[in-house]
């Protein structure tokens, strides 16, 4: 069967690449617009799943979360890095200025010699 498919491809005319007439940004805008035109239907489907007794609990929770995220935005996530849960910050910023005439003696100027 794969031989039939391969032989059919040999007879197909070669296509020359066509130049893109739309920019990537315009294409993304069109996709967003198309997706947004289905918003009302998508929300109705999510609500239907959320309310359905036949849907699994996981599907119902997922649909409810999706509805809340779209209506109220995603919940803020706390930032935790340190042991006590507080974020770690940089406490010291050092600035070293080197004069062009002292480039060979940079270590001497800092007292590292």
PDB file of N, CA and C in Angstrom:
ATOM      1  N   UNK A   1       0.819  -1.181   0.000  1.00  0.00           N
ATOM      2  CA  UNK A   1       0.000   0.000   0.000  1.00  0.00           C
ATOM      3  C   UNK A   1       0.865   1.249   0.000  1.00  0.00           C
ATOM      4  N   UNK A   2       1.993   1.205   0.708  1.00  0.00           N
ATOM      5  CA  UNK A   2       2.863   2.370   0.735  1.00  0.00           C
ATOM      6  C   UNK A   2       3.499   2.605  -0.629  1.00  0.00           C
ATOM      7  N   UNK A   3       3.631   1.535  -1.446  1.00  0.00           N
ATOM      8  CA  UNK A   3       4.189   1.715  -2.791  1.00  0.00           C
ATOM      9  C   UNK A   3       3.235   2.535  -3.659  1.00  0.00           C
ATOM     10  N   UNK A   4       1.928   2.324  -3.466  1.00  0.00           N
ATOM     11  CA  UNK A   4       0.951   3.089  -4.233  1.00  0.00           C
ATOM     12  C   UNK A   4       1.013   4.570  -3.872  1.00  0.00           C
ATOM     13  N   UNK A   5       1.174   4.854  -2.619  1.00  0.00           N
ATOM     14  CA  UNK A   5       1.244   6.238  -2.177  1.00  0.00           C
ATOM     15  C   UNK A   5       2.499   6.889  -2.733  1.00  0.00           C
ATOM     16  N   UNK A   6       3.629   6.174  -2.664  1.00  0.00           N
ATOM     17  CA  UNK A   6       4.883   6.723  -3.161  1.00  0.00           C
ATOM     18  C   UNK A   6       4.828   6.976  -4.657  1.00  0.00           C
ATOM     19  N   UNK A   7       4.225   6.042  -5.425  1.00  0.00           N
ATOM     20  CA  UNK A   7       4.172   6.238  -6.867  1.00  0.00           C
ATOM     21  C   UNK A   7       3.264   7.412  -7.225  1.00  0.00           C
ATOM     22  N   UNK A   8       2.249   7.667  -6.410  1.00  0.00           N
ATOM     23  CA  UNK A   8       1.374   8.810  -6.657  1.00  0.00           C
ATOM     24  C   UNK A   8       2.086  10.127  -6.421  1.00  0.00           C
ATOM     25  N   UNK A   9       3.015  10.139  -5.507  1.00  0.00           N
ATOM     26  CA  UNK A   9       3.738  11.362  -5.231  1.00  0.00           C
ATOM     27  C   UNK A   9       4.718  11.704  -6.340  1.00  0.00           C
ATOM     28  N   UNK A  10       5.252  10.684  -7.010  1.00  0.00           N
ATOM     29  CA  UNK A  10       6.208  10.922  -8.087  1.00  0.00           C
ATOM     30  C   UNK A  10       5.565  11.652  -9.256  1.00  0.00           C
ATOM     31  N   UNK A  11       4.269  11.437  -9.469  1.00  0.00           N
ATOM     32  CA  UNK A  11       3.574  12.038 -10.602  1.00  0.00           C
ATOM     33  C   UNK A  11       3.055  13.436 -10.296  1.00  0.00           C
ATOM     34  N   UNK A  12       3.101  13.833  -9.024  1.00  0.00           N
ATOM     35  CA  UNK A  12       2.569  15.146  -8.660  1.00  0.00           C
ATOM     36  C   UNK A  12       3.520  16.237  -9.127  1.00  0.00           C
ATOM     37  N   UNK A  13       2.990  17.331  -9.676  1.00  0.00           N
ATOM     38  CA  UNK A  13       3.860  18.414 -10.118  1.00  0.00           C
ATOM     39  C   UNK A  13       4.519  19.103  -8.925  1.00  0.00           C
ATOM     40  N   UNK A  14       5.727  19.520  -9.108  1.00  0.00           N
ATOM     41  CA  UNK A  14       6.449  20.207  -8.039  1.00  0.00           C
ATOM     42  C   UNK A  14       5.889  21.617  -7.887  1.00  0.00           C
ATOM     43  N   UNK A  15       5.643  22.010  -6.663  1.00  0.00           N
ATOM     44  CA  UNK A  15       5.128  23.343  -6.406  1.00  0.00           C
ATOM     45  C   UNK A  15       6.268  24.281  -6.076  1.00  0.00           C
ATOM     46  N   UNK A  16       6.195  25.447  -6.626  1.00  0.00           N
ATOM     47  CA  UNK A  16       7.191  26.448  -6.250  1.00  0.00           C
ATOM     48  C   UNK A  16       6.699  27.153  -5.003  1.00  0.00           C
ATOM     49  N   UNK A  17       7.608  27.491  -4.085  1.00  0.00           N
ATOM     50  CA  UNK A  17       7.155  28.167  -2.870  1.00  0.00           C
ATOM     51  C   UNK A  17       6.545  29.518  -3.191  1.00  0.00           C
ATOM     52  N   UNK A  18       5.402  29.767  -2.584  1.00  0.00           N
ATOM     53  CA  UNK A  18       4.741  31.045  -2.817  1.00  0.00           C
ATOM     54  C   UNK A  18       5.157  32.012  -1.720  1.00  0.00           C
ATOM     55  N   UNK A  19       5.384  33.253  -2.055  1.00  0.00           N
ATOM     56  CA  UNK A  19       5.782  34.219  -1.027  1.00  0.00           C
ATOM     57  C   UNK A  19       4.630  34.480  -0.072  1.00  0.00           C
ATOM     58  N   UNK A  20       4.962  34.713   1.179  1.00  0.00           N
ATOM     59  CA  UNK A  20       3.933  35.013   2.168  1.00  0.00           C
ATOM     60  C   UNK A  20       3.381  36.405   1.918  1.00  0.00           C
ATOM     61  N   UNK A  21       2.072  36.479   1.860  1.00  0.00           N
ATOM     62  CA  UNK A  21       1.429  37.764   1.604  1.00  0.00           C
ATOM     63  C   UNK A  21       1.037  38.465   2.901  1.00  0.00           C
ATOM     64  N   UNK A  22       0.947  37.697   3.996  1.00  0.00           N
ATOM     65  CA  UNK A  22       0.575  38.298   5.273  1.00  0.00           C
ATOM     66  C   UNK A  22       1.728  38.158   6.246  1.00  0.00           C
ATOM     67  N   UNK A  23       1.835  39.105   7.120  1.00  0.00           N
ATOM     68  CA  UNK A  23       2.882  39.041   8.128  1.00  0.00           C
ATOM     69  C   UNK A  23       2.459  38.093   9.238  1.00  0.00           C
ATOM     70  N   UNK A  24       3.413  37.691  10.051  1.00  0.00           N
ATOM     71  CA  UNK A  24       3.131  36.796  11.157  1.00  0.00           C
ATOM     72  C   UNK A  24       2.188  37.460  12.155  1.00  0.00           C
ATOM     73  N   UNK A  25       2.388  38.746  12.405  1.00  0.00           N
ATOM     74  CA  UNK A  25       1.535  39.470  13.344  1.00  0.00           C
ATOM     75  C   UNK A  25       0.091  39.499  12.866  1.00  0.00           C
ATOM     76  N   UNK A  26      -0.099  39.714  11.570  1.00  0.00           N
ATOM     77  CA  UNK A  26      -1.462  39.756  11.044  1.00  0.00           C
ATOM     78  C   UNK A  26      -2.104  38.382  11.152  1.00  0.00           C
ATOM     79  N   UNK A  27      -1.337  37.332  10.900  1.00  0.00           N
ATOM     80  CA  UNK A  27      -1.872  35.984  11.009  1.00  0.00           C
ATOM     81  C   UNK A  27      -2.292  35.697  12.444  1.00  0.00           C
ATOM     82  N   UNK A  28      -1.468  36.080  13.426  1.00  0.00           N
ATOM     83  CA  UNK A  28      -1.831  35.876  14.825  1.00  0.00           C
ATOM     84  C   UNK A  28      -3.073  36.665  15.195  1.00  0.00           C
ATOM     85  N   UNK A  29      -3.186  37.868  14.669  1.00  0.00           N
ATOM     86  CA  UNK A  29      -4.373  38.689  14.935  1.00  0.00           C
ATOM     87  C   UNK A  29      -5.616  38.022  14.367  1.00  0.00           C
ATOM     88  N   UNK A  30      -5.506  37.461  13.183  1.00  0.00           N
ATOM     89  CA  UNK A  30      -6.643  36.781  12.569  1.00  0.00           C
ATOM     90  C   UNK A  30      -7.040  35.542  13.368  1.00  0.00           C
ATOM     91  N   UNK A  31      -6.037  34.797  13.858  1.00  0.00           N
ATOM     92  CA  UNK A  31      -6.322  33.600  14.647  1.00  0.00           C
ATOM     93  C   UNK A  31      -7.007  33.991  15.950  1.00  0.00           C
ATOM     94  N   UNK A  32      -6.500  35.034  16.609  1.00  0.00           N
ATOM     95  CA  UNK A  32      -7.135  35.492  17.846  1.00  0.00           C
ATOM     96  C   UNK A  32      -8.569  35.934  17.591  1.00  0.00           C
ATOM     97  N   UNK A  33      -8.774  36.648  16.511  1.00  0.00           N
ATOM     98  CA  UNK A  33     -10.121  37.122  16.186  1.00  0.00           C
ATOM     99  C   UNK A  33     -11.067  35.948  15.948  1.00  0.00           C
ATOM    100  N   UNK A  34     -10.589  34.947  15.220  1.00  0.00           N
ATOM    101  CA  UNK A  34     -11.415  33.769  14.951  1.00  0.00           C
ATOM    102  C   UNK A  34     -11.737  33.034  16.256  1.00  0.00           C
ATOM    103  N   UNK A  35     -10.725  32.872  17.107  1.00  0.00           N
ATOM    104  CA  UNK A  35     -10.950  32.188  18.384  1.00  0.00           C
ATOM    105  C   UNK A  35     -11.931  32.965  19.246  1.00  0.00           C
ATOM    106  N   UNK A  36     -11.795  34.284  19.276  1.00  0.00           N
ATOM    107  CA  UNK A  36     -12.688  35.103  20.099  1.00  0.00           C
ATOM    108  C   UNK A  36     -14.123  35.074  19.596  1.00  0.00           C
ATOM    109  N   UNK A  37     -14.309  34.819  18.321  1.00  0.00           N
ATOM    110  CA  UNK A  37     -15.671  34.753  17.793  1.00  0.00           C
ATOM    111  C   UNK A  37     -16.416  33.524  18.329  1.00  0.00           C
ATOM    112  N   UNK A  38     -15.685  32.563  18.891  1.00  0.00           N
ATOM    113  CA  UNK A  38     -16.299  31.355  19.460  1.00  0.00           C
ATOM    114  C   UNK A  38     -16.372  31.401  20.987  1.00  0.00           C
ATOM    115  N   UNK A  39     -16.123  32.542  21.575  1.00  0.00           N
ATOM    116  CA  UNK A  39     -16.075  32.659  23.037  1.00  0.00           C
ATOM    117  C   UNK A  39     -17.382  32.249  23.687  1.00  0.00           C
ATOM    118  N   UNK A  40     -18.494  32.762  23.194  1.00  0.00           N
ATOM    119  CA  UNK A  40     -19.793  32.471  23.808  1.00  0.00           C
ATOM    120  C   UNK A  40     -20.080  30.970  23.787  1.00  0.00           C
ATOM    121  N   UNK A  41     -19.804  30.311  22.669  1.00  0.00           N
ATOM    122  CA  UNK A  41     -20.031  28.873  22.570  1.00  0.00           C
ATOM    123  C   UNK A  41     -19.107  28.111  23.506  1.00  0.00           C
ATOM    124  N   UNK A  42     -17.842  28.524  23.568  1.00  0.00           N
ATOM    125  CA  UNK A  42     -16.872  27.845  24.427  1.00  0.00           C
ATOM    126  C   UNK A  42     -17.262  27.949  25.894  1.00  0.00           C
ATOM    127  N   UNK A  43     -17.720  29.120  26.305  1.00  0.00           N
ATOM    128  CA  UNK A  43     -18.153  29.293  27.694  1.00  0.00           C
ATOM    129  C   UNK A  43     -19.372  28.414  27.980  1.00  0.00           C
ATOM    130  N   UNK A  44     -20.288  28.349  27.031  1.00  0.00           N
ATOM    131  CA  UNK A  44     -21.474  27.495  27.221  1.00  0.00           C
ATOM    132  C   UNK A  44     -21.071  26.029  27.372  1.00  0.00           C
ATOM    133  N   UNK A  45     -20.102  25.588  26.581  1.00  0.00           N
ATOM    134  CA  UNK A  45     -19.623  24.198  26.679  1.00  0.00           C
ATOM    135  C   UNK A  45     -18.984  23.962  28.044  1.00  0.00           C
ATOM    136  N   UNK A  46     -18.139  24.904  28.478  1.00  0.00           N
ATOM    137  CA  UNK A  46     -17.498  24.763  29.787  1.00  0.00           C
ATOM    138  C   UNK A  46     -18.536  24.714  30.911  1.00  0.00           C
ATOM    139  N   UNK A  47     -19.544  25.570  30.835  1.00  0.00           N
ATOM    140  CA  UNK A  47     -20.604  25.577  31.845  1.00  0.00           C
ATOM    141  C   UNK A  47     -21.363  24.255  31.800  1.00  0.00           C
ATOM    142  N   UNK A  48     -21.614  23.752  30.606  1.00  0.00           N
ATOM    143  CA  UNK A  48     -22.314  22.465  30.471  1.00  0.00           C
ATOM    144  C   UNK A  48     -21.525  21.331  31.105  1.00  0.00           C
ATOM    145  N   UNK A  49     -20.213  21.319  30.908  1.00  0.00           N
ATOM    146  CA  UNK A  49     -19.375  20.281  31.521  1.00  0.00           C
ATOM    147  C   UNK A  49     -19.357  20.450  33.035  1.00  0.00           C
ATOM    148  N   UNK A  50     -19.225  21.694  33.489  1.00  0.00           N
ATOM    149  CA  UNK A  50     -19.178  21.969  34.924  1.00  0.00           C
ATOM    150  C   UNK A  50     -20.454  21.494  35.620  1.00  0.00           C
ATOM    151  N   UNK A  51     -21.596  21.658  34.976  1.00  0.00           N
ATOM    152  CA  UNK A  51     -22.884  21.305  35.577  1.00  0.00           C
ATOM    153  C   UNK A  51     -23.287  19.852  35.336  1.00  0.00           C
ATOM    154  N   UNK A  52     -22.587  19.160  34.463  1.00  0.00           N
ATOM    155  CA  UNK A  52     -22.976  17.808  34.077  1.00  0.00           C
ATOM    156  C   UNK A  52     -22.688  16.801  35.188  1.00  0.00           C
ATOM    157  N   UNK A  53     -23.705  16.017  35.537  1.00  0.00           N
ATOM    158  CA  UNK A  53     -23.515  14.944  36.513  1.00  0.00           C
ATOM    159  C   UNK A  53     -22.761  13.773  35.896  1.00  0.00           C
ATOM    160  N   UNK A  54     -22.767  13.673  34.564  1.00  0.00           N
ATOM    161  CA  UNK A  54     -22.088  12.567  33.886  1.00  0.00           C
ATOM    162  C   UNK A  54     -20.592  12.810  33.734  1.00  0.00           C
ATOM    163  N   UNK A  55     -20.158  14.078  33.804  1.00  0.00           N
ATOM    164  CA  UNK A  55     -18.734  14.396  33.648  1.00  0.00           C
ATOM    165  C   UNK A  55     -17.978  13.966  34.898  1.00  0.00           C
ATOM    166  N   UNK A  56     -16.718  13.607  34.709  1.00  0.00           N
ATOM    167  CA  UNK A  56     -15.891  13.225  35.851  1.00  0.00           C
ATOM    168  C   UNK A  56     -15.660  14.451  36.732  1.00  0.00           C
ATOM    169  N   UNK A  57     -15.404  14.232  38.002  1.00  0.00           N
ATOM    170  CA  UNK A  57     -15.109  15.377  38.877  1.00  0.00           C
ATOM    171  C   UNK A  57     -13.923  16.201  38.377  1.00  0.00           C
ATOM    172  N   UNK A  58     -12.912  15.541  37.838  1.00  0.00           N
ATOM    173  CA  UNK A  58     -11.744  16.272  37.322  1.00  0.00           C
ATOM    174  C   UNK A  58     -12.136  17.179  36.162  1.00  0.00           C
ATOM    175  N   UNK A  59     -12.992  16.694  35.272  1.00  0.00           N
ATOM    176  CA  UNK A  59     -13.443  17.509  34.139  1.00  0.00           C
ATOM    177  C   UNK A  59     -14.284  18.682  34.627  1.00  0.00           C
ATOM    178  N   UNK A  60     -15.117  18.451  35.639  1.00  0.00           N
ATOM    179  CA  UNK A  60     -15.953  19.527  36.168  1.00  0.00           C
ATOM    180  C   UNK A  60     -15.111  20.615  36.833  1.00  0.00           C
ATOM    181  N   UNK A  61     -14.095  20.208  37.597  1.00  0.00           N
ATOM    182  CA  UNK A  61     -13.208  21.177  38.241  1.00  0.00           C
ATOM    183  C   UNK A  61     -12.410  21.944  37.200  1.00  0.00           C
ATOM    184  N   UNK A  62     -11.925  21.239  36.199  1.00  0.00           N
ATOM    185  CA  UNK A  62     -11.155  21.890  35.137  1.00  0.00           C
ATOM    186  C   UNK A  62     -12.000  22.926  34.398  1.00  0.00           C
ATOM    187  N   UNK A  63     -13.226  22.577  34.098  1.00  0.00           N
ATOM    188  CA  UNK A  63     -14.124  23.525  33.421  1.00  0.00           C
ATOM    189  C   UNK A  63     -14.412  24.725  34.317  1.00  0.00           C
ATOM    190  N   UNK A  64     -14.645  24.477  35.610  1.00  0.00           N
ATOM    191  CA  UNK A  64     -14.919  25.577  36.541  1.00  0.00           C
ATOM    192  C   UNK A  64     -13.713  26.504  36.634  1.00  0.00           C
ATOM    193  N   UNK A  65     -12.505  25.933  36.725  1.00  0.00           N
ATOM    194  CA  UNK A  65     -11.287  26.753  36.778  1.00  0.00           C
ATOM    195  C   UNK A  65     -11.117  27.585  35.519  1.00  0.00           C
ATOM    196  N   UNK A  66     -11.389  26.992  34.362  1.00  0.00           N
ATOM    197  CA  UNK A  66     -11.254  27.718  33.098  1.00  0.00           C
ATOM    198  C   UNK A  66     -12.222  28.896  33.050  1.00  0.00           C
ATOM    199  N   UNK A  67     -13.436  28.685  33.540  1.00  0.00           N
ATOM    200  CA  UNK A  67     -14.432  29.764  33.556  1.00  0.00           C
ATOM    201  C   UNK A  67     -13.974  30.890  34.494  1.00  0.00           C
ATOM    202  N   UNK A  68     -13.521  30.524  35.681  1.00  0.00           N
ATOM    203  CA  UNK A  68     -13.068  31.533  36.640  1.00  0.00           C
ATOM    204  C   UNK A  68     -11.859  32.299  36.116  1.00  0.00           C
ATOM    205  N   UNK A  69     -10.914  31.584  35.498  1.00  0.00           N
ATOM    206  CA  UNK A  69      -9.721  32.241  34.947  1.00  0.00           C
ATOM    207  C   UNK A  69     -10.092  33.264  33.888  1.00  0.00           C
ATOM    208  N   UNK A  70     -11.051  32.942  33.053  1.00  0.00           N
ATOM    209  CA  UNK A  70     -11.427  33.870  31.990  1.00  0.00           C
ATOM    210  C   UNK A  70     -12.246  35.039  32.527  1.00  0.00           C
ATOM    211  N   UNK A  71     -13.016  34.792  33.559  1.00  0.00           N
ATOM    212  CA  UNK A  71     -13.847  35.860  34.105  1.00  0.00           C
ATOM    213  C   UNK A  71     -13.115  36.767  35.080  1.00  0.00           C
ATOM    214  N   UNK A  72     -12.207  36.197  35.871  1.00  0.00           N
ATOM    215  CA  UNK A  72     -11.575  36.964  36.942  1.00  0.00           C
ATOM    216  C   UNK A  72     -10.058  37.022  36.830  1.00  0.00           C
ATOM    217  N   UNK A  73      -9.487  36.322  35.876  1.00  0.00           N
ATOM    218  CA  UNK A  73      -8.027  36.259  35.757  1.00  0.00           C
ATOM    219  C   UNK A  73      -7.483  35.171  36.667  1.00  0.00           C
ATOM    220  N   UNK A  74      -6.257  34.775  36.391  1.00  0.00           N
ATOM    221  CA  UNK A  74      -5.636  33.730  37.208  1.00  0.00           C
ATOM    222  C   UNK A  74      -5.238  34.297  38.560  1.00  0.00           C
ATOM    223  N   UNK A  75      -5.290  33.453  39.570  1.00  0.00           N
ATOM    224  CA  UNK A  75      -4.916  33.875  40.920  1.00  0.00           C
ATOM    225  C   UNK A  75      -3.422  34.185  40.960  1.00  0.00           C
ATOM    226  N   UNK A  76      -3.076  35.206  41.752  1.00  0.00           N
ATOM    227  CA  UNK A  76      -1.670  35.576  41.899  1.00  0.00           C
ATOM    228  C   UNK A  76      -0.916  34.449  42.595  1.00  0.00           C
ATOM    229  N   UNK A  77       0.288  34.169  42.101  1.00  0.00           N
ATOM    230  CA  UNK A  77       1.113  33.118  42.683  1.00  0.00           C
ATOM    231  C   UNK A  77       2.154  33.749  43.590  1.00  0.00           C
ATOM    232  N   UNK A  78       2.260  33.304  44.834  1.00  0.00           N
ATOM    233  CA  UNK A  78       3.282  33.872  45.724  1.00  0.00           C
ATOM    234  C   UNK A  78       4.679  33.458  45.275  1.00  0.00           C
ATOM    235  N   UNK A  79       5.633  34.328  45.537  1.00  0.00           N
ATOM    236  CA  UNK A  79       7.018  34.050  45.195  1.00  0.00           C
ATOM    237  C   UNK A  79       7.728  33.609  46.467  1.00  0.00           C
ATOM    238  N   UNK A  80       8.278  32.419  46.463  1.00  0.00           N
ATOM    239  CA  UNK A  80       8.986  31.918  47.627  1.00  0.00           C
ATOM    240  C   UNK A  80      10.350  31.410  47.191  1.00  0.00           C
ATOM    241  N   UNK A  81      11.400  31.886  47.842  1.00  0.00           N
ATOM    242  CA  UNK A  81      12.753  31.440  47.536  1.00  0.00           C
ATOM    243  C   UNK A  81      13.537  31.080  48.784  1.00  0.00           C
ATOM    244  N   UNK A  82      13.405  31.885  49.821  1.00  0.00           N
ATOM    245  CA  UNK A  82      14.203  31.702  51.028  1.00  0.00           C
ATOM    246  C   UNK A  82      13.634  30.613  51.919  1.00  0.00           C
ATOM    247  N   UNK A  83      14.360  30.330  53.020  1.00  0.00           N
ATOM    248  CA  UNK A  83      13.927  29.305  53.959  1.00  0.00           C
ATOM    249  C   UNK A  83      12.629  29.690  54.658  1.00  0.00           C
ATOM    250  N   UNK A  84      12.476  30.980  54.961  1.00  0.00           N
ATOM    251  CA  UNK A  84      11.280  31.436  55.660  1.00  0.00           C
ATOM    252  C   UNK A  84      10.135  31.781  54.708  1.00  0.00           C
ATOM    253  N   UNK A  85      10.316  31.518  53.416  1.00  0.00           N
ATOM    254  CA  UNK A  85       9.278  31.805  52.439  1.00  0.00           C
ATOM    255  C   UNK A  85       9.389  33.171  51.815  1.00  0.00           C
ATOM    256  N   UNK A  86      10.231  34.030  52.375  1.00  0.00           N
ATOM    257  CA  UNK A  86      10.412  35.371  51.819  1.00  0.00           C
ATOM    258  C   UNK A  86      11.376  35.307  50.636  1.00  0.00           C
ATOM    259  N   UNK A  87      11.161  36.132  49.631  1.00  0.00           N
ATOM    260  CA  UNK A  87      12.078  36.116  48.485  1.00  0.00           C
ATOM    261  C   UNK A  87      13.466  36.622  48.872  1.00  0.00           C
ATOM    262  N   UNK A  88      14.482  36.030  48.241  1.00  0.00           N
ATOM    263  CA  UNK A  88      15.856  36.480  48.453  1.00  0.00           C
ATOM    264  C   UNK A  88      16.121  37.695  47.580  1.00  0.00           C
ATOM    265  N   UNK A  89      16.753  38.706  48.135  1.00  0.00           N
ATOM    266  CA  UNK A  89      17.077  39.903  47.390  1.00  0.00           C
ATOM    267  C   UNK A  89      18.581  40.111  47.379  1.00  0.00           C
ATOM    268  N   UNK A  90      19.064  40.817  46.396  1.00  0.00           N
ATOM    269  CA  UNK A  90      20.462  41.201  46.344  1.00  0.00           C
ATOM    270  C   UNK A  90      20.633  42.376  47.285  1.00  0.00           C
ATOM    271  N   UNK A  91      21.560  42.258  48.220  1.00  0.00           N
ATOM    272  CA  UNK A  91      21.740  43.300  49.228  1.00  0.00           C
ATOM    273  C   UNK A  91      22.899  44.234  48.914  1.00  0.00           C
ATOM    274  N   UNK A  92      23.718  43.882  47.927  1.00  0.00           N
ATOM    275  CA  UNK A  92      24.899  44.696  47.663  1.00  0.00           C
ATOM    276  C   UNK A  92      25.097  44.833  46.163  1.00  0.00           C
ATOM    277  N   UNK A  93      25.277  46.033  45.734  1.00  0.00           N
ATOM    278  CA  UNK A  93      25.610  46.324  44.346  1.00  0.00           C
ATOM    279  C   UNK A  93      26.950  47.027  44.358  1.00  0.00           C
ATOM    280  N   UNK A  94      27.904  46.521  43.593  1.00  0.00           N
ATOM    281  CA  UNK A  94      29.248  47.095  43.570  1.00  0.00           C
ATOM    282  C   UNK A  94      29.521  47.675  42.200  1.00  0.00           C
ATOM    283  N   UNK A  95      30.113  48.853  42.194  1.00  0.00           N
ATOM    284  CA  UNK A  95      30.454  49.509  40.938  1.00  0.00           C
ATOM    285  C   UNK A  95      31.944  49.814  40.965  1.00  0.00           C
ATOM    286  N   UNK A  96      32.642  49.336  39.969  1.00  0.00           N
ATOM    287  CA  UNK A  96      34.078  49.559  39.878  1.00  0.00           C
ATOM    288  C   UNK A  96      34.337  50.405  38.650  1.00  0.00           C
ATOM    289  N   UNK A  97      35.007  51.534  38.864  1.00  0.00           N
ATOM    290  CA  UNK A  97      35.334  52.428  37.762  1.00  0.00           C
ATOM    291  C   UNK A  97      36.818  52.300  37.482  1.00  0.00           C
ATOM    292  N   UNK A  98      37.136  52.011  36.243  1.00  0.00           N
ATOM    293  CA  UNK A  98      38.535  51.857  35.834  1.00  0.00           C
ATOM    294  C   UNK A  98      38.859  52.976  34.868  1.00  0.00           C
ATOM    295  N   UNK A  99      39.926  53.702  35.148  1.00  0.00           N
ATOM    296  CA  UNK A  99      40.364  54.757  34.261  1.00  0.00           C
ATOM    297  C   UNK A  99      41.210  54.154  33.146  1.00  0.00           C
ATOM    298  N   UNK A 100      41.057  54.641  31.908  1.00  0.00           N
ATOM    299  CA  UNK A 100      41.795  54.059  30.776  1.00  0.00           C
ATOM    300  C   UNK A 100      43.309  54.056  30.982  1.00  0.00           C
ATOM    301  N   UNK A 101      43.858  55.064  31.609  1.00  0.00           N
ATOM    302  CA  UNK A 101      45.310  55.102  31.781  1.00  0.00           C
ATOM    303  C   UNK A 101      45.790  54.119  32.843  1.00  0.00           C
ATOM    304  N   UNK A 102      44.877  53.604  33.687  1.00  0.00           N
ATOM    305  CA  UNK A 102      45.261  52.671  34.743  1.00  0.00           C
ATOM    306  C   UNK A 102      44.858  51.243  34.432  1.00  0.00           C
ATOM    307  N   UNK A 103      44.598  50.893  33.163  1.00  0.00           N
ATOM    308  CA  UNK A 103      44.110  49.567  32.852  1.00  0.00           C
ATOM    309  C   UNK A 103      45.101  48.467  33.242  1.00  0.00           C
ATOM    310  N   UNK A 104      46.398  48.734  33.142  1.00  0.00           N
ATOM    311  CA  UNK A 104      47.393  47.738  33.503  1.00  0.00           C
ATOM    312  C   UNK A 104      47.519  47.589  34.993  1.00  0.00           C
ATOM    313  N   UNK A 105      47.153  48.573  35.796  1.00  0.00           N
ATOM    314  CA  UNK A 105      47.289  48.561  37.239  1.00  0.00           C
ATOM    315  C   UNK A 105      45.964  48.480  37.960  1.00  0.00           C
ATOM    316  N   UNK A 106      44.966  47.844  37.355  1.00  0.00           N
ATOM    317  CA  UNK A 106      43.634  47.755  37.959  1.00  0.00           C
ATOM    318  C   UNK A 106      43.696  47.005  39.281  1.00  0.00           C
ATOM    319  N   UNK A 107      44.501  45.931  39.353  1.00  0.00           N
ATOM    320  CA  UNK A 107      44.607  45.183  40.596  1.00  0.00           C
ATOM    321  C   UNK A 107      45.297  45.992  41.676  1.00  0.00           C
ATOM    322  N   UNK A 108      46.284  46.782  41.265  1.00  0.00           N
ATOM    323  CA  UNK A 108      47.006  47.615  42.232  1.00  0.00           C
ATOM    324  C   UNK A 108      46.084  48.689  42.809  1.00  0.00           C
ATOM    325  N   UNK A 109      45.224  49.251  41.994  1.00  0.00           N
ATOM    326  CA  UNK A 109      44.310  50.299  42.447  1.00  0.00           C
ATOM    327  C   UNK A 109      43.317  49.748  43.456  1.00  0.00           C
ATOM    328  N   UNK A 110      42.924  48.469  43.304  1.00  0.00           N
ATOM    329  CA  UNK A 110      41.956  47.855  44.215  1.00  0.00           C
ATOM    330  C   UNK A 110      42.632  47.299  45.455  1.00  0.00           C
ATOM    331  N   UNK A 111      43.972  47.297  45.487  1.00  0.00           N
ATOM    332  CA  UNK A 111      44.677  46.780  46.633  1.00  0.00           C
ATOM    333  C   UNK A 111      44.814  45.273  46.610  1.00  0.00           C
ATOM    334  N   UNK A 112      44.695  44.643  45.438  1.00  0.00           N
ATOM    335  CA  UNK A 112      44.797  43.204  45.309  1.00  0.00           C
ATOM    336  C   UNK A 112      46.204  42.724  44.985  1.00  0.00           C
ATOM    337  N   UNK A 113      47.193  43.615  44.999  1.00  0.00           N
ATOM    338  CA  UNK A 113      48.535  43.203  44.625  1.00  0.00           C
ATOM    339  C   UNK A 113      49.305  42.731  45.816  1.00  0.00           C
TER     340      UNK A 113
END
